[in-house]
Amino acid sequence: MIGYYGGSFDPIHNGHVEIARYIAGFDTVKSVCFVPAGAHPLGKQISEFHHRMQMINLAINGIQGLEASDADCCGEGPSYTIHLLHRLKQIEKMPFFFIAGMDNLNQFFEWKNWEEILLTFPIAFTSRAGVDPDKDAVKRISKTIGKAIPIVNELDSEFSGPAILKVPDINISSSEIRKMILNGELPSGMIHSDVLDYIETHDLYRKG
């Protein structure tokens, strides 16, 4: 299987990379591919796509099993996961699943065609330090799929999702990094040094 890891990645940080490496280490997973959103579906302002894509490439350079895709940069307007998943279904020859963070589970019902995603595509919501699954969201998802959403430690070859996937706790967030840079602080140990150099070269996150 191939895991497609969705998100803004604004910027990508060491937590993203370590989670991707962890999942790519499963016997059933060939690789994990980062897919940055072209434009935030809920209207949130994010950095230009080419900057985020380049930072991902810098962060994963030389790491076996990790890749990046620009599959979500197409078209105008917001990027919707349902459109991306249908696009991947057309182009991907191997079985694939989608990876999303726990914060996405808690906001899942704001997603376009969320019921179709749950019933059609395998999706793994990764655990996150300090972010608990919303009880109402879990109940609603479980009702939609007709069973309790499982909490799993790894993904087997028959994974059809959805599931909450337990991953190592890494308490880093992109919003925290942006805030630190805005305040003139260095997010040492939180992002790859090449990513930090790129941020400084292109003067990213300096304006609120």
C-alpha atoms as a PDB file:
ATOM      1  CA  MET A   1       0.000   0.000   0.000  1.00  0.00           C
ATOM      2  CA  ILE A   2       0.927   3.624  -0.426  1.00  0.00           C
ATOM      3  CA  GLY A   3      -0.010   6.218   2.165  1.00  0.00           C
ATOM      4  CA  TYR A   4      -0.888   9.705   0.956  1.00  0.00           C
ATOM      5  CA  TYR A   5      -0.303  12.189   3.768  1.00  0.00           C
ATOM      6  CA  GLY A   6      -2.505  15.244   3.349  1.00  0.00           C
ATOM      7  CA  GLY A   7      -2.146  18.615   5.015  1.00  0.00           C
ATOM      8  CA  SER A   8      -1.059  22.213   4.598  1.00  0.00           C
ATOM      9  CA  PHE A   9       2.527  21.521   5.739  1.00  0.00           C
ATOM     10  CA  ASP A  10       3.045  25.229   6.355  1.00  0.00           C
ATOM     11  CA  PRO A  11       5.806  24.505   7.162  1.00  0.00           C
ATOM     12  CA  ILE A  12       6.576  20.792   7.277  1.00  0.00           C
ATOM     13  CA  HIS A  13       8.213  19.943  10.612  1.00  0.00           C
ATOM     14  CA  ASN A  14      10.062  17.051  12.204  1.00  0.00           C
ATOM     15  CA  GLY A  15       6.837  15.653  13.627  1.00  0.00           C
ATOM     16  CA  HIS A  16       5.354  15.245  10.160  1.00  0.00           C
ATOM     17  CA  VAL A  17       8.509  13.538   8.938  1.00  0.00           C
ATOM     18  CA  GLU A  18       8.807  11.166  11.894  1.00  0.00           C
ATOM     19  CA  ILE A  19       5.160  10.118  11.632  1.00  0.00           C
ATOM     20  CA  ALA A  20       5.591   9.478   7.912  1.00  0.00           C
ATOM     21  CA  ARG A  21       8.745   7.430   8.552  1.00  0.00           C
ATOM     22  CA  TYR A  22       6.949   5.458  11.254  1.00  0.00           C
ATOM     23  CA  ILE A  23       4.065   4.566   8.926  1.00  0.00           C
ATOM     24  CA  ALA A  24       6.411   3.849   6.017  1.00  0.00           C
ATOM     25  CA  GLY A  25       8.103   1.323   8.309  1.00  0.00           C
ATOM     26  CA  PHE A  26       5.031  -0.923   8.413  1.00  0.00           C
ATOM     27  CA  ASP A  27       5.520  -4.162   6.482  1.00  0.00           C
ATOM     28  CA  THR A  28       2.335  -3.448   4.532  1.00  0.00           C
ATOM     29  CA  VAL A  29       3.325   0.082   3.461  1.00  0.00           C
ATOM     30  CA  LYS A  30       5.623   0.618   0.492  1.00  0.00           C
ATOM     31  CA  SER A  31       5.941   4.386   0.908  1.00  0.00           C
ATOM     32  CA  VAL A  32       4.340   7.506   2.327  1.00  0.00           C
ATOM     33  CA  CYS A  33       3.796  10.411  -0.033  1.00  0.00           C
ATOM     34  CA  PHE A  34       3.236  13.964   1.232  1.00  0.00           C
ATOM     35  CA  VAL A  35       0.440  15.750  -0.641  1.00  0.00           C
ATOM     36  CA  PRO A  36       0.305  19.435   0.320  1.00  0.00           C
ATOM     37  CA  ALA A  37      -3.054  21.135  -0.177  1.00  0.00           C
ATOM     38  CA  GLY A  38      -3.226  23.497  -3.112  1.00  0.00           C
ATOM     39  CA  ALA A  39      -5.467  25.944  -1.252  1.00  0.00           C
ATOM     40  CA  HIS A  40      -7.000  25.527   2.188  1.00  0.00           C
ATOM     41  CA  PRO A  41     -10.583  24.220   1.816  1.00  0.00           C
ATOM     42  CA  LEU A  42     -11.814  26.229   4.813  1.00  0.00           C
ATOM     43  CA  GLY A  43     -10.387  29.502   3.535  1.00  0.00           C
ATOM     44  CA  LYS A  44      -7.349  29.668   5.808  1.00  0.00           C
ATOM     45  CA  GLN A  45      -4.436  31.685   4.426  1.00  0.00           C
ATOM     46  CA  ILE A  46      -1.429  29.479   3.682  1.00  0.00           C
ATOM     47  CA  SER A  47       1.916  29.989   1.987  1.00  0.00           C
ATOM     48  CA  GLU A  48       2.220  29.609  -1.759  1.00  0.00           C
ATOM     49  CA  PHE A  49       2.182  26.028  -2.959  1.00  0.00           C
ATOM     50  CA  HIS A  50       5.665  26.051  -4.497  1.00  0.00           C
ATOM     51  CA  HIS A  51       7.218  27.166  -1.193  1.00  0.00           C
ATOM     52  CA  ARG A  52       5.524  24.393   0.783  1.00  0.00           C
ATOM     53  CA  MET A  53       6.378  21.808  -1.861  1.00  0.00           C
ATOM     54  CA  GLN A  54      10.030  22.813  -1.870  1.00  0.00           C
ATOM     55  CA  MET A  55      10.217  22.678   1.939  1.00  0.00           C
ATOM     56  CA  ILE A  56       8.783  19.151   1.865  1.00  0.00           C
ATOM     57  CA  ASN A  57      11.379  18.062  -0.675  1.00  0.00           C
ATOM     58  CA  LEU A  58      14.145  19.511   1.494  1.00  0.00           C
ATOM     59  CA  ALA A  59      12.813  17.834   4.646  1.00  0.00           C
ATOM     60  CA  ILE A  60      12.548  14.340   3.143  1.00  0.00           C
ATOM     61  CA  ASN A  61      15.606  14.436   0.904  1.00  0.00           C
ATOM     62  CA  GLY A  62      17.454  11.119   1.133  1.00  0.00           C
ATOM     63  CA  ILE A  63      14.890   9.432   3.404  1.00  0.00           C
ATOM     64  CA  GLN A  64      13.922   6.056   1.989  1.00  0.00           C
ATOM     65  CA  GLY A  65      10.201   5.439   1.728  1.00  0.00           C
ATOM     66  CA  LEU A  66       9.165   9.103   1.754  1.00  0.00           C
ATOM     67  CA  GLU A  67       8.002  10.957  -1.343  1.00  0.00           C
ATOM     68  CA  ALA A  68       6.135  14.122  -2.319  1.00  0.00           C
ATOM     69  CA  SER A  69       3.346  14.736  -4.818  1.00  0.00           C
ATOM     70  CA  ASP A  70       1.826  17.857  -6.353  1.00  0.00           C
ATOM     71  CA  ALA A  71      -1.443  16.014  -7.073  1.00  0.00           C
ATOM     72  CA  ASP A  72      -3.465  18.565  -5.082  1.00  0.00           C
ATOM     73  CA  CYS A  73      -2.157  21.718  -6.767  1.00  0.00           C
ATOM     74  CA  CYS A  74      -4.448  21.479  -9.777  1.00  0.00           C
ATOM     75  CA  GLY A  75      -7.397  23.738 -10.466  1.00  0.00           C
ATOM     76  CA  GLU A  76      -8.626  26.996  -8.991  1.00  0.00           C
ATOM     77  CA  GLY A  77     -10.291  27.648  -5.664  1.00  0.00           C
ATOM     78  CA  PRO A  78     -10.190  25.495  -2.516  1.00  0.00           C
ATOM     79  CA  SER A  79      -8.606  22.035  -2.500  1.00  0.00           C
ATOM     80  CA  TYR A  80     -11.090  19.398  -1.416  1.00  0.00           C
ATOM     81  CA  THR A  81      -9.899  16.016  -0.211  1.00  0.00           C
ATOM     82  CA  ILE A  82     -12.707  14.217  -2.027  1.00  0.00           C
ATOM     83  CA  HIS A  83     -11.457  15.584  -5.363  1.00  0.00           C
ATOM     84  CA  LEU A  84      -7.888  14.574  -4.531  1.00  0.00           C
ATOM     85  CA  LEU A  85      -8.960  11.054  -3.596  1.00  0.00           C
ATOM     86  CA  HIS A  86     -10.853  10.571  -6.852  1.00  0.00           C
ATOM     87  CA  ARG A  87      -7.805  11.879  -8.732  1.00  0.00           C
ATOM     88  CA  LEU A  88      -5.543   9.432  -6.914  1.00  0.00           C
ATOM     89  CA  LYS A  89      -7.946   6.586  -7.623  1.00  0.00           C
ATOM     90  CA  GLN A  90      -7.567   7.305 -11.334  1.00  0.00           C
ATOM     91  CA  ILE A  91      -3.772   7.522 -11.403  1.00  0.00           C
ATOM     92  CA  GLU A  92      -2.598   5.188  -8.611  1.00  0.00           C
ATOM     93  CA  LYS A  93      -2.076   1.566  -9.616  1.00  0.00           C
ATOM     94  CA  MET A  94      -1.345   0.316  -6.089  1.00  0.00           C
ATOM     95  CA  PRO A  95      -3.811   0.185  -3.185  1.00  0.00           C
ATOM     96  CA  PHE A  96      -3.590   3.420  -1.227  1.00  0.00           C
ATOM     97  CA  PHE A  97      -4.881   5.028   1.926  1.00  0.00           C
ATOM     98  CA  PHE A  98      -5.111   8.631   3.093  1.00  0.00           C
ATOM     99  CA  ILE A  99      -3.401   9.943   6.221  1.00  0.00           C
ATOM    100  CA  ALA A 100      -4.814  12.877   8.168  1.00  0.00           C
ATOM    101  CA  GLY A 101      -4.051  14.330  11.587  1.00  0.00           C
ATOM    102  CA  MET A 102      -6.283  14.066  14.636  1.00  0.00           C
ATOM    103  CA  ASP A 103      -7.274  17.725  14.304  1.00  0.00           C
ATOM    104  CA  ASN A 104      -8.831  16.765  10.962  1.00  0.00           C
ATOM    105  CA  LEU A 105     -10.951  14.077  12.594  1.00  0.00           C
ATOM    106  CA  ASN A 106     -12.348  16.679  14.967  1.00  0.00           C
ATOM    107  CA  GLN A 107     -13.231  18.953  12.010  1.00  0.00           C
ATOM    108  CA  PHE A 108     -14.137  16.144   9.636  1.00  0.00           C
ATOM    109  CA  PHE A 109     -17.779  17.104   9.208  1.00  0.00           C
ATOM    110  CA  GLU A 110     -16.738  20.406   7.657  1.00  0.00           C
ATOM    111  CA  TRP A 111     -15.109  18.464   4.800  1.00  0.00           C
ATOM    112  CA  LYS A 112     -16.848  18.328   1.436  1.00  0.00           C
ATOM    113  CA  ASN A 113     -18.620  14.972   0.901  1.00  0.00           C
ATOM    114  CA  TRP A 114     -17.316  13.593   4.194  1.00  0.00           C
ATOM    115  CA  GLU A 115     -19.742  10.661   4.138  1.00  0.00           C
ATOM    116  CA  GLU A 116     -18.496   9.558   0.730  1.00  0.00           C
ATOM    117  CA  ILE A 117     -14.911   9.731   1.979  1.00  0.00           C
ATOM    118  CA  LEU A 118     -15.726   7.541   4.987  1.00  0.00           C
ATOM    119  CA  LEU A 119     -17.606   4.945   2.976  1.00  0.00           C
ATOM    120  CA  THR A 120     -15.393   4.850  -0.113  1.00  0.00           C
ATOM    121  CA  PHE A 121     -11.776   5.541   0.806  1.00  0.00           C
ATOM    122  CA  PRO A 122      -9.479   4.135   3.517  1.00  0.00           C
ATOM    123  CA  ILE A 123      -8.430   6.943   5.834  1.00  0.00           C
ATOM    124  CA  ALA A 124      -6.171   6.788   8.887  1.00  0.00           C
ATOM    125  CA  PHE A 125      -6.401   9.591  11.443  1.00  0.00           C
ATOM    126  CA  THR A 126      -3.094   9.796  13.299  1.00  0.00           C
ATOM    127  CA  SER A 127      -3.023  10.339  17.045  1.00  0.00           C
ATOM    128  CA  ARG A 128      -1.463  13.572  18.267  1.00  0.00           C
ATOM    129  CA  ALA A 129      -0.034  14.646  21.600  1.00  0.00           C
ATOM    130  CA  GLY A 130      -2.424  16.994  23.377  1.00  0.00           C
ATOM    131  CA  VAL A 131      -5.293  16.487  20.901  1.00  0.00           C
ATOM    132  CA  ASP A 132      -7.966  14.003  21.958  1.00  0.00           C
ATOM    133  CA  PRO A 133     -10.530  12.629  19.518  1.00  0.00           C
ATOM    134  CA  ASP A 134     -13.768  14.569  19.844  1.00  0.00           C
ATOM    135  CA  LYS A 135     -16.325  12.188  21.355  1.00  0.00           C
ATOM    136  CA  ASP A 136     -19.205  13.475  19.245  1.00  0.00           C
ATOM    137  CA  ALA A 137     -17.103  13.184  16.074  1.00  0.00           C
ATOM    138  CA  VAL A 138     -16.151   9.606  16.939  1.00  0.00           C
ATOM    139  CA  LYS A 139     -19.799   8.707  17.577  1.00  0.00           C
ATOM    140  CA  ARG A 140     -20.907  10.271  14.302  1.00  0.00           C
ATOM    141  CA  ILE A 141     -18.221   8.509  12.292  1.00  0.00           C
ATOM    142  CA  SER A 142     -19.032   5.193  13.975  1.00  0.00           C
ATOM    143  CA  LYS A 143     -22.730   5.648  13.195  1.00  0.00           C
ATOM    144  CA  THR A 144     -21.938   6.429   9.552  1.00  0.00           C
ATOM    145  CA  ILE A 145     -19.764   3.353   9.004  1.00  0.00           C
ATOM    146  CA  GLY A 146     -22.009   1.092  11.077  1.00  0.00           C
ATOM    147  CA  LYS A 147     -19.394   0.088  13.644  1.00  0.00           C
ATOM    148  CA  ALA A 148     -17.054   1.604  16.207  1.00  0.00           C
ATOM    149  CA  ILE A 149     -14.088   3.333  14.613  1.00  0.00           C
ATOM    150  CA  PRO A 150     -11.107   1.160  15.593  1.00  0.00           C
ATOM    151  CA  ILE A 151      -7.942   2.373  17.289  1.00  0.00           C
ATOM    152  CA  VAL A 152      -4.989   0.509  15.777  1.00  0.00           C
ATOM    153  CA  ASN A 153      -1.218   0.317  16.211  1.00  0.00           C
ATOM    154  CA  GLU A 154      -0.466  -0.605  12.598  1.00  0.00           C
ATOM    155  CA  LEU A 155      -2.207  -1.168   9.278  1.00  0.00           C
ATOM    156  CA  ASP A 156      -2.701  -4.617   7.806  1.00  0.00           C
ATOM    157  CA  SER A 157      -2.832  -5.375   4.094  1.00  0.00           C
ATOM    158  CA  GLU A 158      -6.642  -5.415   4.172  1.00  0.00           C
ATOM    159  CA  PHE A 159      -6.954  -1.961   5.731  1.00  0.00           C
ATOM    160  CA  SER A 160     -10.114  -0.277   4.489  1.00  0.00           C
ATOM    161  CA  GLY A 161     -10.492   2.416   7.163  1.00  0.00           C
ATOM    162  CA  PRO A 162     -11.444   4.594   8.745  1.00  0.00           C
ATOM    163  CA  ALA A 163      -9.313   4.103  11.841  1.00  0.00           C
ATOM    164  CA  ILE A 164      -7.425   6.047  14.469  1.00  0.00           C
ATOM    165  CA  LEU A 165      -3.774   5.103  14.054  1.00  0.00           C
ATOM    166  CA  LYS A 166      -1.577   5.403  17.126  1.00  0.00           C
ATOM    167  CA  VAL A 167       1.747   7.014  16.244  1.00  0.00           C
ATOM    168  CA  PRO A 168       4.637   8.337  18.359  1.00  0.00           C
ATOM    169  CA  ASP A 169       3.763  11.439  20.365  1.00  0.00           C
ATOM    170  CA  ILE A 170       5.673  14.399  18.934  1.00  0.00           C
ATOM    171  CA  ASN A 171       4.462  17.694  20.328  1.00  0.00           C
ATOM    172  CA  ILE A 172       5.272  20.054  17.452  1.00  0.00           C
ATOM    173  CA  SER A 173       2.872  22.172  15.412  1.00  0.00           C
ATOM    174  CA  SER A 174       3.284  24.292  12.299  1.00  0.00           C
ATOM    175  CA  SER A 175       1.326  27.129  13.913  1.00  0.00           C
ATOM    176  CA  GLU A 176       3.768  27.174  16.837  1.00  0.00           C
ATOM    177  CA  ILE A 177       6.708  27.321  14.423  1.00  0.00           C
ATOM    178  CA  ARG A 178       5.152  30.202  12.467  1.00  0.00           C
ATOM    179  CA  LYS A 179       4.546  32.096  15.687  1.00  0.00           C
ATOM    180  CA  MET A 180       8.133  31.571  16.839  1.00  0.00           C
ATOM    181  CA  ILE A 181       9.550  32.831  13.535  1.00  0.00           C
ATOM    182  CA  LEU A 182       7.225  35.848  13.607  1.00  0.00           C
ATOM    183  CA  ASN A 183       8.570  36.657  17.080  1.00  0.00           C
ATOM    184  CA  GLY A 184      12.172  36.335  15.921  1.00  0.00           C
ATOM    185  CA  GLU A 185      12.785  32.981  17.620  1.00  0.00           C
ATOM    186  CA  LEU A 186      14.534  30.013  16.010  1.00  0.00           C
ATOM    187  CA  PRO A 187      12.534  26.749  16.025  1.00  0.00           C
ATOM    188  CA  SER A 188      15.674  24.708  16.628  1.00  0.00           C
ATOM    189  CA  GLY A 189      15.118  20.961  16.619  1.00  0.00           C
ATOM    190  CA  MET A 190      11.593  21.370  15.275  1.00  0.00           C
ATOM    191  CA  ILE A 191      12.303  21.622  11.547  1.00  0.00           C
ATOM    192  CA  HIS A 192      15.061  20.439   9.224  1.00  0.00           C
ATOM    193  CA  SER A 193      17.966  22.882   9.007  1.00  0.00           C
ATOM    194  CA  ASP A 194      17.560  23.109   5.218  1.00  0.00           C
ATOM    195  CA  VAL A 195      13.904  24.039   5.693  1.00  0.00           C
ATOM    196  CA  LEU A 196      14.891  26.755   8.159  1.00  0.00           C
ATOM    197  CA  ASP A 197      17.442  28.091   5.671  1.00  0.00           C
ATOM    198  CA  TYR A 198      14.753  28.139   2.984  1.00  0.00           C
ATOM    199  CA  ILE A 199      12.362  30.023   5.280  1.00  0.00           C
ATOM    200  CA  GLU A 200      15.016  32.628   6.032  1.00  0.00           C
ATOM    201  CA  THR A 201      16.082  32.960   2.384  1.00  0.00           C
ATOM    202  CA  HIS A 202      12.507  33.546   1.217  1.00  0.00           C
ATOM    203  CA  ASP A 203      11.483  35.595   4.274  1.00  0.00           C
ATOM    204  CA  LEU A 204       8.528  33.356   5.108  1.00  0.00           C
ATOM    205  CA  TYR A 205       6.361  33.769   8.219  1.00  0.00           C
ATOM    206  CA  ARG A 206       7.862  37.157   9.100  1.00  0.00           C
ATOM    207  CA  LYS A 207       4.557  38.960   8.694  1.00  0.00           C
ATOM    208  CA  GLY A 208       1.517  38.281  10.837  1.00  0.00           C
END
